[in-house]
Structure formats: structure tokens, C-alpha cells
Amino acid sequence: MSLQQARISAKIAFFMLFIFAPLLNIFRFDLTLGHFIILGQAWTIRIDSILYGGGDSIDVAIKIFSRVLLPGFAFVAISALLIWKFGVFTVVGFVRIFLWWSWLMI
């Protein structure tokens, strides 16, 4: 398989994943529930019990760190590593990719 064929295959596979991800419940944002669904599981911070007196500030800090900050930092670090390794290592490239990812998060 040539490099051109591999690139076309990768583009087709990514497009198919993009099309079928919501249908297969792989990754979607549920508007009625107000949170993400990842691999069929609800992805929330789960601090409702703490809001109603079931925990303390340490529990809140651990949940926010492990469910919001840690995945966010991992996403940024892995993205930066991939960008550095596979090309787009210019300011324009960073801005373009940041705008693309921020559009996906809306």
C-alpha cells in the first residue's frame, strides 16, 4: 500500500467514525441530559450528592481534578505531542488546530 492510499484510507476511516460515532453511542453530547455520553456511559462530574451535604471540599477537589482537569491536561499534552511529532509546529498551525478543536467542543 502506497503512502497516498494509506492517507486516503485513513481519511475515509476517520470520516466513517465521525458519521457513526453518534449512531453507535461512542461519543455524543445529549442536550436533554446536559452532558456527554462516551462509550454509552454518562460523563459527568457527579458532585450532586456533595452539593446537598453529602461530602466535603476534598471530595469536590478530587472529583473535579480527576474528571475535568486531568482529562483536559492529558488531551492538551497528547495533542501537543502529536503536533510536534507529525508536523504543524508553527504558530499558524497551532491557531488553526486550536480553532478546529474549540469548534468541536461547542
Protein backbone atom coordinates (compact mmCIF):
# COMPACT_ATOMS: atom_id res chain seq x y z
CA MET A 1 0.00 0.00 0.00
CA SER A 2 1.46 3.34 -1.01
CA LEU A 3 1.52 6.40 1.21
CA GLN A 4 -1.22 8.05 -0.85
CA GLN A 5 -3.50 5.04 -0.48
CA ALA A 6 -2.81 4.91 3.27
CA ARG A 7 -3.76 8.57 3.62
CA ILE A 8 -6.97 8.10 1.66
CA SER A 9 -7.85 5.05 3.78
CA ALA A 10 -7.19 7.00 6.99
CA LYS A 11 -9.37 9.87 5.80
CA ILE A 12 -12.21 7.51 4.91
CA ALA A 13 -11.93 5.69 8.25
CA PHE A 14 -11.98 8.98 10.20
CA PHE A 15 -14.97 10.22 8.22
CA MET A 16 -16.85 6.97 8.86
CA LEU A 17 -16.04 7.23 12.58
CA PHE A 18 -17.29 10.84 12.53
CA ILE A 19 -20.54 9.74 10.89
CA PHE A 20 -21.19 6.64 13.01
CA ALA A 21 -19.98 7.88 16.43
CA PRO A 22 -23.35 9.38 17.46
CA LEU A 23 -25.30 6.48 15.99
CA LEU A 24 -23.22 3.87 17.82
CA ASN A 25 -23.25 5.93 21.02
CA ILE A 26 -19.45 6.22 21.01
CA PHE A 27 -19.27 9.96 21.67
CA ARG A 28 -22.11 12.46 21.75
CA PHE A 29 -23.50 15.38 23.73
CA ASP A 30 -27.01 14.78 24.99
CA LEU A 31 -28.91 18.06 25.04
CA THR A 32 -31.75 16.83 27.24
CA LEU A 33 -29.43 15.41 29.91
CA GLY A 34 -26.86 18.18 29.56
CA HIS A 35 -23.70 16.08 29.50
CA PHE A 36 -21.50 13.94 27.27
CA ILE A 37 -22.09 10.25 26.57
CA ILE A 38 -18.82 8.38 25.97
CA LEU A 39 -18.98 4.69 25.01
CA GLY A 40 -22.56 4.55 26.27
CA GLN A 41 -21.70 5.89 29.72
CA ALA A 42 -22.73 9.30 31.06
CA TRP A 43 -19.70 11.51 31.66
CA THR A 44 -20.49 13.92 34.49
CA ILE A 45 -18.59 15.35 37.44
CA ARG A 46 -21.06 13.70 39.85
CA ILE A 47 -20.97 16.28 42.61
CA ASP A 48 -24.75 16.33 43.18
CA SER A 49 -24.51 14.47 46.48
CA ILE A 50 -21.82 16.86 47.65
CA LEU A 51 -23.98 19.86 46.75
CA TYR A 52 -26.71 18.55 49.05
CA GLY A 53 -24.46 17.98 52.07
CA GLY A 54 -23.00 14.54 51.37
CA GLY A 55 -19.30 15.40 51.33
CA ASP A 56 -16.61 17.96 51.93
CA SER A 57 -14.34 20.19 49.87
CA ILE A 58 -11.67 17.49 49.47
CA ASP A 59 -14.19 15.25 47.71
CA VAL A 60 -15.13 18.09 45.36
CA ALA A 61 -11.48 18.86 44.59
CA ILE A 62 -10.69 15.20 43.85
CA LYS A 63 -13.71 14.77 41.59
CA ILE A 64 -13.08 17.99 39.66
CA PHE A 65 -9.39 17.18 39.26
CA SER A 66 -9.94 13.59 38.15
CA ARG A 67 -12.95 14.21 35.87
CA VAL A 68 -12.20 17.66 34.40
CA LEU A 69 -8.63 18.86 34.82
CA LEU A 70 -6.73 15.59 34.37
CA PRO A 71 -8.51 14.61 31.12
CA GLY A 72 -8.12 18.19 29.86
CA PHE A 73 -4.39 18.27 30.59
CA ALA A 74 -3.97 14.82 29.02
CA PHE A 75 -5.80 15.98 25.90
CA VAL A 76 -3.61 19.07 25.58
CA ALA A 77 -0.39 17.11 26.23
CA ILE A 78 -1.19 14.34 23.76
CA SER A 79 -2.29 16.89 21.16
CA ALA A 80 0.91 18.89 21.60
CA LEU A 81 2.99 15.71 21.29
CA LEU A 82 1.20 14.70 18.09
CA ILE A 83 1.54 18.18 16.64
CA TRP A 84 5.24 18.29 17.47
CA LYS A 85 5.87 14.79 16.12
CA PHE A 86 3.84 14.95 12.91
CA GLY A 87 4.27 18.47 11.65
CA VAL A 88 2.23 21.55 12.31
CA PHE A 89 4.82 23.20 14.57
CA THR A 90 4.15 26.83 13.69
CA VAL A 91 2.06 29.49 15.35
CA VAL A 92 -0.40 29.45 12.45
CA GLY A 93 -0.68 25.67 12.73
CA PHE A 94 -1.35 25.85 16.47
CA VAL A 95 -4.01 28.53 16.00
CA ARG A 96 -5.66 26.57 13.19
CA ILE A 97 -5.78 23.34 15.21
CA PHE A 98 -6.92 25.17 18.36
CA LEU A 99 -9.78 26.80 16.46
CA TRP A 100 -10.73 23.45 14.94
CA TRP A 101 -10.77 21.73 18.35
CA SER A 102 -12.64 24.59 20.00
CA TRP A 103 -15.27 24.29 17.27
CA LEU A 104 -15.63 20.57 18.11
CA MET A 105 -16.14 21.34 21.80
CA ILE A 106 -19.11 23.67 21.18
